[in-house]
N, C-alpha and C. Protein backbone atom coordinates (compact mmCIF):
# COMPACT_ATOMS: atom_id res chain seq x y z
N UNK A 1 1.97 -3.56 45.51
CA UNK A 1 1.58 -2.29 45.65
C UNK A 1 2.27 -1.27 44.05
N UNK A 2 1.38 -0.51 43.92
CA UNK A 2 2.20 0.47 42.54
C UNK A 2 3.18 1.10 42.97
N UNK A 3 4.29 0.72 42.32
CA UNK A 3 5.68 1.69 42.53
C UNK A 3 6.07 2.60 41.53
N UNK A 4 5.56 2.38 40.49
CA UNK A 4 5.92 3.53 39.13
C UNK A 4 4.61 3.47 38.33
N UNK A 5 4.39 5.05 38.14
CA UNK A 5 3.34 5.20 37.25
C UNK A 5 4.14 5.96 35.90
N UNK A 6 3.38 5.15 35.03
CA UNK A 6 3.89 5.61 33.60
C UNK A 6 2.78 6.41 32.68
N UNK A 7 3.20 7.57 32.19
CA UNK A 7 2.35 8.05 31.25
C UNK A 7 2.81 8.48 29.99
N UNK A 8 1.92 8.04 29.11
CA UNK A 8 1.79 8.32 27.74
C UNK A 8 1.76 10.06 27.42
N UNK A 9 2.59 10.54 26.49
CA UNK A 9 2.53 12.00 26.28
C UNK A 9 1.26 12.44 25.51
N UNK A 10 1.13 12.25 24.51
CA UNK A 10 0.38 12.48 23.30
C UNK A 10 -1.06 12.01 23.77
N UNK A 11 -2.21 12.78 23.92
CA UNK A 11 -3.41 12.00 24.07
C UNK A 11 -3.58 11.35 25.62
N UNK A 12 -2.70 11.61 26.65
CA UNK A 12 -2.76 11.08 28.02
C UNK A 12 -2.56 12.55 28.76
N UNK A 13 -1.21 13.07 28.83
CA UNK A 13 -0.87 13.85 29.31
C UNK A 13 -1.27 15.59 28.62
N UNK A 14 -1.28 15.44 27.16
CA UNK A 14 -1.77 16.59 26.57
C UNK A 14 -2.48 16.35 25.28
N UNK A 15 -3.58 17.24 24.98
CA UNK A 15 -4.15 17.20 23.83
C UNK A 15 -3.19 17.79 22.59
N UNK A 16 -2.76 17.12 21.76
CA UNK A 16 -1.71 17.64 21.11
C UNK A 16 -2.03 17.54 19.64
N UNK A 17 -3.38 17.02 19.30
CA UNK A 17 -3.55 17.03 17.73
C UNK A 17 -3.54 18.23 16.94
N UNK A 18 -3.79 19.59 17.53
CA UNK A 18 -3.88 20.41 16.86
C UNK A 18 -2.40 20.77 16.55
N UNK A 19 -1.60 20.61 17.69
CA UNK A 19 -0.22 21.04 17.54
C UNK A 19 0.50 20.00 16.22
N UNK A 20 0.35 18.69 16.30
CA UNK A 20 0.66 17.88 15.41
C UNK A 20 0.11 18.27 14.07
N UNK A 21 -1.08 18.51 13.93
CA UNK A 21 -1.74 18.89 12.44
C UNK A 21 -1.05 19.79 12.07
N UNK A 22 -0.73 20.86 12.82
CA UNK A 22 0.12 22.29 12.10
C UNK A 22 1.10 22.03 11.96
N UNK A 23 1.96 20.75 12.67
CA UNK A 23 3.43 20.83 12.35
C UNK A 23 3.63 20.06 11.25
N UNK A 24 2.86 18.74 10.93
CA UNK A 24 2.81 18.11 9.68
C UNK A 24 2.40 18.59 8.39
N UNK A 25 1.30 19.57 8.75
CA UNK A 25 0.71 20.50 7.48
C UNK A 25 1.80 21.23 7.14
N UNK A 26 2.64 22.12 7.78
CA UNK A 26 3.38 22.92 7.41
C UNK A 26 4.66 22.19 6.77
N UNK A 27 5.04 20.73 6.95
CA UNK A 27 5.88 20.20 6.46
C UNK A 27 5.54 19.75 5.04
N UNK A 28 4.22 19.47 5.01
CA UNK A 28 3.69 19.10 3.65
C UNK A 28 3.78 20.38 2.77
N UNK A 29 3.23 21.34 3.18
CA UNK A 29 3.23 22.64 2.84
C UNK A 29 4.16 23.10 1.91
N UNK A 30 5.65 22.76 2.75
CA UNK A 30 6.90 23.35 2.33
C UNK A 30 7.02 22.37 1.05
N UNK A 31 6.59 21.36 0.80
CA UNK A 31 6.74 20.51 -0.21
C UNK A 31 5.52 20.54 -1.47
N UNK A 32 5.14 21.50 -1.19
CA UNK A 32 3.72 21.78 -2.17
C UNK A 32 2.67 20.71 -2.23
N UNK A 33 2.39 19.76 -1.14
CA UNK A 33 1.59 18.84 -0.80
C UNK A 33 0.31 19.08 -0.33
N UNK A 34 -0.86 18.33 -0.33
CA UNK A 34 -2.10 18.70 0.33
C UNK A 34 -1.77 18.52 1.85
N UNK A 35 -2.86 19.03 2.52
CA UNK A 35 -2.61 18.92 4.06
C UNK A 35 -3.29 17.46 4.13
N UNK A 36 -3.07 16.91 5.68
CA UNK A 36 -3.61 15.66 6.03
C UNK A 36 -4.91 15.68 6.34
N UNK A 37 -5.65 14.56 5.86
CA UNK A 37 -7.12 14.04 6.32
C UNK A 37 -7.17 13.34 7.54
N UNK A 38 -8.18 13.51 8.12
CA UNK A 38 -8.25 13.10 9.53
C UNK A 38 -7.76 11.52 9.89
N UNK A 39 -7.88 10.76 8.95
CA UNK A 39 -7.28 9.42 8.96
C UNK A 39 -5.52 9.48 9.17
N UNK A 40 -5.14 10.57 8.30
CA UNK A 40 -3.54 10.37 8.37
C UNK A 40 -3.19 11.16 9.77
N UNK A 41 -4.16 11.85 10.04
CA UNK A 41 -3.66 12.52 11.69
C UNK A 41 -3.98 11.76 12.68
N UNK A 42 -4.69 10.62 12.68
CA UNK A 42 -4.53 9.65 13.61
C UNK A 42 -3.48 8.85 13.65
N UNK A 43 -3.13 8.50 12.35
CA UNK A 43 -1.87 7.59 12.14
C UNK A 43 -0.52 8.31 12.67
N UNK A 44 -0.49 9.66 12.67
CA UNK A 44 0.76 10.46 12.82
C UNK A 44 0.71 10.67 14.23
N UNK A 45 -0.54 10.68 14.83
CA UNK A 45 -0.63 11.19 16.09
C UNK A 45 -0.08 9.96 17.03
N UNK A 46 -0.17 9.18 16.63
CA UNK A 46 0.34 7.74 17.50
C UNK A 46 1.89 7.06 17.25
N UNK A 47 2.32 7.84 16.23
CA UNK A 47 3.68 7.17 15.58
C UNK A 47 4.83 8.09 15.94
N UNK A 48 6.02 7.71 15.97
CA UNK A 48 7.28 8.44 15.97
C UNK A 48 7.46 9.18 14.66
N UNK A 49 7.93 10.49 14.70
CA UNK A 49 8.24 11.44 13.68
C UNK A 49 8.74 10.64 12.40
N UNK A 50 9.70 9.84 12.37
CA UNK A 50 10.28 9.28 11.25
C UNK A 50 9.11 8.64 10.78
N UNK A 51 8.32 7.57 11.45
CA UNK A 51 7.28 6.88 10.91
C UNK A 51 6.46 7.91 10.28
N UNK A 52 5.82 8.80 10.77
CA UNK A 52 4.87 9.76 10.54
C UNK A 52 5.21 10.30 9.19
N UNK A 53 6.40 10.92 8.94
CA UNK A 53 6.86 11.73 7.66
C UNK A 53 6.88 10.64 6.74
N UNK A 54 7.47 9.40 6.63
CA UNK A 54 7.53 8.55 5.89
C UNK A 54 6.26 7.92 5.42
N UNK A 55 5.22 7.86 6.17
CA UNK A 55 3.93 7.46 5.91
C UNK A 55 3.14 8.38 5.01
N UNK A 56 3.42 9.76 5.29
CA UNK A 56 2.84 10.68 4.62
C UNK A 56 3.44 10.88 3.42
N UNK A 57 4.61 10.67 3.27
CA UNK A 57 5.49 10.91 1.68
C UNK A 57 4.93 9.87 1.02
N UNK A 58 4.95 8.77 1.66
CA UNK A 58 4.54 7.57 0.56
C UNK A 58 3.22 7.66 -0.12
N UNK A 59 2.21 8.10 1.07
CA UNK A 59 0.73 8.08 0.30
C UNK A 59 0.80 9.20 -0.42
N UNK A 60 1.91 10.20 -0.67
CA UNK A 60 1.70 11.50 -1.84
C UNK A 60 2.57 10.78 -3.11
N UNK A 61 2.99 9.60 -3.17
CA UNK A 61 3.97 9.29 -4.06
C UNK A 61 5.46 9.65 -4.01
N UNK A 62 5.54 9.99 -2.86
CA UNK A 62 7.15 10.83 -2.82
C UNK A 62 7.96 9.57 -2.12
N UNK A 63 9.33 9.76 -2.58
CA UNK A 63 10.13 8.68 -1.82
C UNK A 63 10.95 9.44 -0.56
N UNK A 64 10.50 8.74 0.69
CA UNK A 64 10.88 9.26 1.86
C UNK A 64 12.50 9.65 2.11
N UNK A 65 13.25 8.62 1.45
CA UNK A 65 14.74 8.61 1.47
C UNK A 65 15.33 9.79 0.70
N UNK A 66 14.79 10.15 -0.10
CA UNK A 66 15.03 11.24 -0.99
C UNK A 66 14.61 12.92 -0.27
N UNK A 67 13.49 12.92 0.33
CA UNK A 67 12.87 14.00 0.56
C UNK A 67 13.21 14.44 1.96
N UNK A 68 13.56 13.28 2.94
CA UNK A 68 14.19 13.61 4.29
C UNK A 68 15.07 13.95 4.43
N UNK A 69 16.15 13.67 3.62
CA UNK A 69 17.78 14.31 3.48
C UNK A 69 17.51 15.79 3.33
N UNK A 70 16.86 16.22 2.48
CA UNK A 70 16.84 17.69 2.26
C UNK A 70 15.76 18.41 2.91
N UNK A 71 14.56 17.90 3.71
CA UNK A 71 13.75 18.85 4.36
C UNK A 71 13.55 18.31 6.00
N UNK A 72 13.96 17.00 6.38
CA UNK A 72 13.87 16.84 7.93
C UNK A 72 14.70 17.72 8.59
N UNK A 73 13.82 18.56 9.48
CA UNK A 73 14.57 19.23 10.51
C UNK A 73 14.52 20.57 10.06
N UNK A 74 14.13 20.76 9.00
CA UNK A 74 13.74 22.65 8.48
C UNK A 74 12.88 23.25 9.41
N UNK A 75 11.79 22.49 9.93
CA UNK A 75 10.55 22.94 10.55
C UNK A 75 10.77 22.61 12.12
N UNK A 76 10.97 23.63 12.81
CA UNK A 76 11.28 23.39 14.31
C UNK A 76 9.80 23.17 14.96
N UNK A 77 9.74 22.08 15.57
CA UNK A 77 8.34 21.74 16.20
C UNK A 77 8.17 22.65 17.29
N UNK A 78 9.10 23.28 17.91
CA UNK A 78 9.01 24.19 19.27
C UNK A 78 8.07 25.24 19.07
N UNK A 79 7.77 25.68 17.74
CA UNK A 79 7.03 26.63 17.68
C UNK A 79 5.37 26.47 17.78
N UNK A 80 5.34 25.12 17.38
CA UNK A 80 3.85 24.73 17.80
C UNK A 80 3.52 24.10 18.99
N UNK A 81 4.26 24.15 20.15
CA UNK A 81 4.48 23.23 21.47
C UNK A 81 3.03 24.13 22.21
N UNK A 82 3.08 25.54 21.89
CA UNK A 82 2.03 26.19 22.55
C UNK A 82 0.67 25.90 22.26
N UNK A 83 0.58 25.15 21.16
CA UNK A 83 -0.84 24.65 20.63
C UNK A 83 -1.35 23.59 21.43
N UNK A 84 -0.31 22.75 22.02
CA UNK A 84 -0.63 21.57 23.03
C UNK A 84 -1.48 22.10 24.33
N UNK A 85 -2.36 21.41 24.86
CA UNK A 85 -2.98 21.79 25.90
C UNK A 85 -3.04 20.60 26.84
N UNK A 86 -2.57 20.88 28.01
CA UNK A 86 -2.56 19.73 29.15
C UNK A 86 -4.09 19.33 29.40
N UNK A 87 -3.79 17.83 29.54
CA UNK A 87 -5.04 17.41 29.69
C UNK A 87 -5.79 17.70 31.13
N UNK A 88 -7.20 17.81 31.59
CA UNK A 88 -7.66 18.53 32.70
C UNK A 88 -6.82 17.42 33.97
N UNK A 89 -6.41 18.19 34.93
CA UNK A 89 -6.17 17.69 36.21
C UNK A 89 -4.72 16.96 36.00
N UNK A 90 -4.03 17.08 34.98
CA UNK A 90 -2.86 16.64 34.75
C UNK A 90 -2.01 17.19 36.08
N UNK A 91 -1.74 18.26 36.30
CA UNK A 91 -0.94 18.87 37.19
C UNK A 91 -1.45 18.44 38.68
N UNK A 92 -2.88 18.21 38.82
CA UNK A 92 -3.35 17.86 40.18
C UNK A 92 -2.83 16.58 40.41
N UNK A 93 -2.98 15.62 39.30
CA UNK A 93 -2.67 14.11 39.64
C UNK A 93 -1.18 13.95 40.17
N UNK A 94 -0.21 14.74 39.30
CA UNK A 94 1.11 14.72 39.53
C UNK A 94 1.51 15.31 40.88
N UNK A 95 0.47 16.45 41.46
CA UNK A 95 1.03 17.12 42.58
C UNK A 95 0.40 16.11 43.80
N UNK A 96 -0.70 15.50 43.27
CA UNK A 96 -1.33 14.36 44.76
C UNK A 96 -0.56 13.14 44.82
N UNK A 97 -0.02 12.60 43.68
CA UNK A 97 0.57 11.29 43.89
C UNK A 97 1.54 10.98 45.10
N UNK A 98 1.38 9.99 45.53
CA UNK A 98 2.08 9.74 46.93
C UNK A 98 3.64 9.75 46.66
N UNK A 99 4.55 10.34 47.28
CA UNK A 99 5.61 10.69 46.83
C UNK A 99 6.49 9.55 46.67
N UNK A 100 6.09 8.46 47.41
CA UNK A 100 6.98 6.97 47.15
C UNK A 100 6.99 6.35 45.88
N UNK A 101 5.68 6.99 45.08
CA UNK A 101 5.81 6.23 43.47
C UNK A 101 6.51 7.08 42.66
N UNK A 102 7.26 6.39 41.93
CA UNK A 102 8.16 6.97 40.63
C UNK A 102 7.23 7.35 39.71
N UNK A 103 7.76 8.27 38.67
CA UNK A 103 7.07 8.69 37.63
C UNK A 103 7.82 8.76 36.32
N UNK A 104 7.26 8.27 35.42
CA UNK A 104 7.93 8.21 33.96
C UNK A 104 7.07 8.64 33.12
N UNK A 105 7.49 9.22 31.64
CA UNK A 105 7.10 9.33 30.64
C UNK A 105 7.31 8.33 29.47
N UNK A 106 6.43 7.64 28.85
CA UNK A 106 6.88 6.72 27.84
C UNK A 106 6.35 7.44 26.53
N UNK A 107 6.95 7.77 25.52
CA UNK A 107 6.42 8.38 24.28
C UNK A 107 7.15 7.96 22.93
N UNK A 108 6.14 8.00 21.81
CA UNK A 108 6.87 7.79 20.76
C UNK A 108 7.52 8.88 20.10
N UNK A 109 7.37 10.20 20.66
CA UNK A 109 7.99 11.23 20.30
C UNK A 109 9.75 10.98 20.36
N UNK A 110 10.34 11.87 19.68
CA UNK A 110 11.76 11.48 19.52
C UNK A 110 12.58 13.09 20.27
N UNK A 111 12.85 13.71 19.43
CA UNK A 111 13.61 14.87 20.07
C UNK A 111 12.58 15.88 20.67
N UNK A 112 11.62 16.24 20.73
CA UNK A 112 10.67 16.89 21.27
C UNK A 112 10.11 17.01 22.54
N UNK A 113 10.01 15.81 23.22
CA UNK A 113 9.56 15.60 24.45
C UNK A 113 10.19 16.54 25.54
N UNK A 114 11.52 16.83 25.40
CA UNK A 114 12.23 17.27 26.72
C UNK A 114 11.85 18.81 26.44
N UNK A 115 11.40 19.56 25.55
CA UNK A 115 11.02 21.04 25.13
C UNK A 115 9.73 20.91 25.54
N UNK A 116 8.76 19.97 25.31
CA UNK A 116 7.37 20.04 25.85
C UNK A 116 7.32 20.14 27.32
N UNK A 117 8.15 19.00 27.99
CA UNK A 117 7.99 19.12 29.33
C UNK A 117 8.40 20.47 29.85
N UNK A 118 9.49 20.86 29.29
CA UNK A 118 10.04 22.33 29.83
C UNK A 118 8.93 23.56 29.98
N UNK A 119 8.53 23.31 28.77
CA UNK A 119 7.46 24.64 28.10
C UNK A 119 6.45 24.58 29.27
N UNK A 120 5.83 23.55 29.55
CA UNK A 120 4.97 23.46 30.60
C UNK A 120 5.08 23.27 31.94
N UNK A 121 6.48 23.43 32.38
CA UNK A 121 6.74 23.20 33.65
C UNK A 121 6.75 22.03 34.56
N UNK A 122 6.93 20.93 33.67
CA UNK A 122 6.72 19.42 33.88
C UNK A 122 7.84 18.71 34.27
N UNK A 123 9.02 19.24 33.55
CA UNK A 123 10.41 18.37 34.22
C UNK A 123 10.42 18.22 35.65
N UNK A 124 10.19 18.69 36.51
CA UNK A 124 10.53 18.40 37.97
C UNK A 124 9.52 17.20 38.43
N UNK A 125 8.44 17.06 37.84
CA UNK A 125 7.55 15.89 38.31
C UNK A 125 8.16 14.53 37.83
N UNK A 126 9.07 14.60 36.98
CA UNK A 126 9.08 13.21 36.56
C UNK A 126 10.68 12.67 36.67
N UNK A 127 10.97 11.23 37.30
CA UNK A 127 12.15 10.78 37.31
C UNK A 127 12.79 10.41 36.22
N UNK A 128 11.95 9.87 35.29
CA UNK A 128 12.45 9.13 34.00
C UNK A 128 11.59 9.56 32.96
N UNK A 129 12.23 9.91 31.96
CA UNK A 129 11.48 10.36 30.24
C UNK A 129 12.30 9.10 29.26
N UNK A 130 11.58 8.71 28.94
CA UNK A 130 11.99 7.72 27.76
C UNK A 130 10.94 7.83 26.22
N UNK A 131 11.90 8.07 25.37
CA UNK A 131 11.28 8.65 24.23
C UNK A 131 11.64 7.58 23.18
N UNK A 132 11.14 7.70 21.72
CA UNK A 132 11.53 6.67 20.76
C UNK A 132 12.92 6.45 20.41
N UNK A 133 13.52 7.56 20.52
CA UNK A 133 15.09 7.50 20.55
C UNK A 133 15.99 6.91 21.57
N UNK A 134 15.25 6.49 22.62
CA UNK A 134 15.90 5.70 23.83
C UNK A 134 15.88 4.33 23.53
N UNK A 135 15.28 3.85 22.59
CA UNK A 135 14.94 2.52 22.55
C UNK A 135 15.28 1.77 21.20
N UNK A 136 15.31 0.67 21.15
CA UNK A 136 15.77 0.42 19.74
C UNK A 136 14.25 0.33 18.84
N UNK A 137 13.32 -0.27 19.49
CA UNK A 137 11.93 -0.27 18.95
C UNK A 137 10.97 0.53 19.61
N UNK A 138 10.32 1.40 19.29
CA UNK A 138 9.10 2.04 20.16
C UNK A 138 7.91 1.26 19.86
N UNK A 139 6.93 1.85 20.69
CA UNK A 139 5.40 1.32 20.87
C UNK A 139 5.08 1.16 19.47
N UNK A 140 4.55 -0.11 19.26
CA UNK A 140 4.06 -0.96 20.22
C UNK A 140 4.77 -2.08 20.88
N UNK A 141 6.06 -1.92 20.33
CA UNK A 141 6.90 -3.18 21.19
C UNK A 141 7.03 -2.63 22.46
N UNK A 142 7.56 -3.64 23.33
CA UNK A 142 7.47 -3.20 25.00
C UNK A 142 8.76 -2.71 25.35
N UNK A 143 9.70 -2.37 24.68
CA UNK A 143 10.83 -1.92 24.66
C UNK A 143 11.10 -0.91 26.01
N UNK A 144 10.45 -0.05 25.61
CA UNK A 144 10.29 1.43 26.45
C UNK A 144 9.78 0.78 28.06
N UNK A 145 8.72 0.37 27.86
CA UNK A 145 8.11 -0.23 29.35
C UNK A 145 9.30 -1.05 30.08
N UNK A 146 10.06 -2.00 29.10
CA UNK A 146 11.03 -2.88 29.96
C UNK A 146 11.90 -1.84 30.46
N UNK A 147 12.43 -1.19 29.65
CA UNK A 147 13.50 -0.24 30.07
C UNK A 147 13.25 0.60 31.39
N UNK A 148 11.91 0.93 31.51
CA UNK A 148 11.53 1.72 32.75
C UNK A 148 11.75 0.68 33.97
N UNK A 149 11.16 -0.35 33.72
CA UNK A 149 10.82 -1.13 34.70
C UNK A 149 12.55 -1.76 35.20
N UNK A 150 13.55 -1.94 34.26
CA UNK A 150 14.69 -1.91 34.75
C UNK A 150 15.47 -1.21 35.55
N UNK A 151 14.87 0.33 34.97
CA UNK A 151 15.65 1.36 35.51
C UNK A 151 15.15 1.39 37.19
N UNK A 152 13.83 1.14 37.49
CA UNK A 152 13.52 1.25 38.63
C UNK A 152 13.46 0.01 39.44
N UNK A 153 13.86 -0.95 39.02
CA UNK A 153 13.98 -2.15 39.34
C UNK A 153 12.84 -2.57 39.92
N UNK A 154 11.64 -2.71 39.23
CA UNK A 154 10.50 -2.97 39.69
C UNK A 154 9.86 -4.20 38.78
N UNK A 155 8.91 -5.12 39.44
CA UNK A 155 8.43 -6.03 38.64
C UNK A 155 6.93 -5.41 37.77
N UNK A 156 6.42 -5.84 36.74
CA UNK A 156 5.72 -5.35 35.90
C UNK A 156 4.35 -5.13 36.68
N UNK A 157 4.15 -6.06 37.68
CA UNK A 157 2.70 -5.76 38.29
C UNK A 157 2.86 -4.70 39.24
N UNK A 158 3.76 -4.20 39.62
CA UNK A 158 4.20 -3.04 40.54
C UNK A 158 4.26 -1.50 39.72
N UNK A 159 3.77 -1.82 38.33
CA UNK A 159 3.74 -0.49 37.42
C UNK A 159 2.38 -0.29 36.85
N UNK A 160 2.06 0.73 36.48
CA UNK A 160 0.74 1.27 35.70
C UNK A 160 1.29 2.05 34.70
N UNK A 161 0.51 1.72 33.68
CA UNK A 161 1.06 2.40 32.08
C UNK A 161 -0.41 2.82 31.69
N UNK A 162 -0.22 4.33 31.60
CA UNK A 162 -1.72 5.18 31.41
C UNK A 162 -1.26 5.35 29.61
N UNK A 163 -2.39 4.98 28.69
CA UNK A 163 -2.30 5.09 27.30
C UNK A 163 -3.60 5.41 26.70
N UNK A 164 -3.66 5.89 25.61
CA UNK A 164 -4.87 6.23 24.74
C UNK A 164 -4.91 5.37 23.53
N UNK A 165 -4.10 4.61 23.09
CA UNK A 165 -3.75 4.02 21.62
C UNK A 165 -3.81 2.60 21.72
N UNK A 166 -4.04 1.96 20.52
CA UNK A 166 -3.80 0.50 20.39
C UNK A 166 -2.29 0.10 20.55
N UNK A 167 -1.36 1.15 20.08
CA UNK A 167 -0.06 0.83 20.38
C UNK A 167 0.30 0.96 21.61
N UNK A 168 -0.49 1.80 22.74
CA UNK A 168 -0.14 1.72 24.29
C UNK A 168 -0.67 0.51 24.51
N UNK A 169 -1.54 -0.12 24.23
CA UNK A 169 -2.34 -1.15 24.90
C UNK A 169 -1.67 -2.35 24.38
N UNK A 170 -0.89 -2.45 23.44
CA UNK A 170 0.05 -3.60 22.94
C UNK A 170 0.92 -3.55 23.54
N UNK A 171 1.94 -2.59 23.53
CA UNK A 171 3.14 -2.46 24.59
C UNK A 171 2.97 -2.90 25.81
N UNK A 172 1.77 -2.74 26.50
CA UNK A 172 1.51 -2.70 27.83
C UNK A 172 1.25 -4.16 28.16
N UNK A 173 0.45 -4.74 27.26
CA UNK A 173 0.27 -6.37 26.89
C UNK A 173 1.69 -6.98 27.21
N UNK A 174 2.57 -6.67 26.11
CA UNK A 174 3.54 -7.33 25.68
C UNK A 174 4.52 -7.46 27.07
N UNK A 175 4.52 -6.45 27.77
CA UNK A 175 5.53 -6.25 29.07
C UNK A 175 4.48 -6.60 30.15
N UNK A 176 3.33 -6.98 30.07
CA UNK A 176 3.07 -7.67 31.29
C UNK A 176 2.23 -6.79 32.50
N UNK A 177 2.24 -5.24 31.83
CA UNK A 177 1.99 -4.33 32.93
C UNK A 177 0.70 -3.99 32.84
N UNK A 178 0.01 -3.91 33.92
CA UNK A 178 -1.78 -3.41 33.79
C UNK A 178 -1.60 -2.03 33.13
N UNK A 179 -2.72 -2.02 32.17
CA UNK A 179 -2.77 -0.88 31.44
C UNK A 179 -4.02 0.12 31.80
N UNK A 180 -3.92 1.08 31.97
CA UNK A 180 -5.12 2.02 31.98
C UNK A 180 -5.34 3.07 30.67
N UNK A 181 -6.59 2.56 30.37
CA UNK A 181 -6.88 3.24 28.80
C UNK A 181 -7.72 4.52 29.26
N UNK A 182 -7.01 5.64 28.74
CA UNK A 182 -7.65 7.05 29.15
C UNK A 182 -8.40 7.45 28.00
N UNK A 183 -9.69 7.72 28.08
CA UNK A 183 -10.76 8.36 27.15
C UNK A 183 -10.92 7.45 25.73
N UNK A 184 -10.64 6.04 26.14
CA UNK A 184 -10.69 5.29 24.80
C UNK A 184 -11.47 3.73 25.33
N UNK A 185 -12.90 3.60 25.54
CA UNK A 185 -13.34 2.52 25.80
C UNK A 185 -13.02 1.29 24.79
N UNK A 186 -12.75 1.65 23.64
CA UNK A 186 -12.51 0.52 22.80
C UNK A 186 -11.11 -0.35 23.06
N UNK A 187 -10.30 -0.03 23.84
CA UNK A 187 -9.17 -0.55 24.14
C UNK A 187 -9.51 -1.56 24.94
N UNK A 188 -8.47 -2.95 24.99
CA UNK A 188 -8.45 -4.10 26.02
C UNK A 188 -7.85 -3.38 27.08
N UNK A 189 -8.04 -3.17 28.37
CA UNK A 189 -7.43 -2.53 29.43
C UNK A 189 -7.60 -3.27 30.69
N UNK A 190 -7.08 -3.17 31.85
CA UNK A 190 -7.56 -3.46 33.16
C UNK A 190 -8.36 -2.21 33.74
N UNK A 191 -7.98 -1.45 33.38
CA UNK A 191 -8.91 -0.01 33.70
C UNK A 191 -9.40 1.02 32.93
N UNK A 192 -10.53 1.19 32.81
CA UNK A 192 -10.66 2.60 31.73
C UNK A 192 -11.17 3.89 32.62
N UNK A 193 -10.67 4.80 32.49
CA UNK A 193 -10.77 6.09 33.00
C UNK A 193 -11.08 7.33 32.00
N UNK A 194 -11.85 8.31 32.46
CA UNK A 194 -11.73 9.61 31.61
C UNK A 194 -11.38 10.57 32.48
N UNK A 195 -10.96 10.40 33.50
CA UNK A 195 -10.05 11.57 34.51
C UNK A 195 -9.11 11.16 34.72
N UNK A 196 -8.07 11.86 34.94
CA UNK A 196 -6.69 11.40 35.33
C UNK A 196 -6.67 11.22 36.61
N UNK A 197 -7.33 11.73 37.58
CA UNK A 197 -7.36 11.82 39.09
C UNK A 197 -8.11 10.37 39.41
N UNK A 198 -8.55 9.58 38.56
CA UNK A 198 -9.15 8.31 38.67
C UNK A 198 -8.03 7.39 38.83
N UNK A 199 -6.43 7.81 38.80
CA UNK A 199 -5.58 6.90 38.62
C UNK A 199 -5.10 6.97 40.08
N UNK A 200 -5.59 7.87 40.76
CA UNK A 200 -5.40 7.96 42.52
C UNK A 200 -6.26 6.86 43.06
N UNK A 201 -7.27 6.85 42.63
CA UNK A 201 -8.14 5.64 43.20
C UNK A 201 -7.66 4.28 42.79
N UNK A 202 -7.08 4.05 41.64
CA UNK A 202 -6.68 2.91 41.49
C UNK A 202 -5.32 2.50 42.17
N UNK A 203 -4.62 3.42 42.61
CA UNK A 203 -3.13 3.16 43.12
C UNK A 203 -3.85 2.71 44.60
N UNK A 204 -4.57 3.79 45.20
CA UNK A 204 -5.30 3.32 46.51
C UNK A 204 -5.66 1.97 46.86
N UNK A 205 -6.41 1.48 45.50
CA UNK A 205 -7.00 0.12 45.64
C UNK A 205 -6.00 -1.02 45.69
N UNK A 206 -4.94 -0.58 45.26
CA UNK A 206 -3.57 -1.59 45.02
C UNK A 206 -2.69 -1.64 46.25
N UNK A 207 -3.01 -0.82 47.02
CA UNK A 207 -1.74 -0.39 48.22
C UNK A 207 -1.63 -1.76 49.00
N UNK A 208 -2.80 -2.78 49.26
CA UNK A 208 -2.67 -3.81 50.15
C UNK A 208 -3.01 -5.11 49.48
């Protein structure tokens, strides 16, 4: 039986690309730098904040260790949260999950995930939220997933992890947790879905 459902944030719970685009472009603008191209957006979308900022700065020939000391934290991400869009059927999934199943978020976000969940009224739906700041190594390492398994005292096969990037797939594989790929058929996964409500069918099929 599935005892824990683990959801990635960006790309699974939310379409957050425009929010991330606006945030990082505002940061770059404050430095007089060009905006991100689509390849850069894809990278930062799956990365931790520090990883994303260092990547963007290095691509522009800037030293992250010098720039981030003076600039990081000057731009508040909260103003961009309203640009995020909950994925279709997210709330319906959370309401229809069997009460016995624990719910967790695993994200490579660091300090913003709490305000995101609060803004969209989702805090009450989750038993545990694990961000990049809560583990030594973020995705694609399995540290966050292992932390969740230990917290709920469950085995890998008793959990499901839903993600949308290669980092998610790698983390899930390294933790031996069945992986559900959301809207990304190119990923190696036990299940591929395009509708979050399909998770209910997966859980039902593994009940016995």
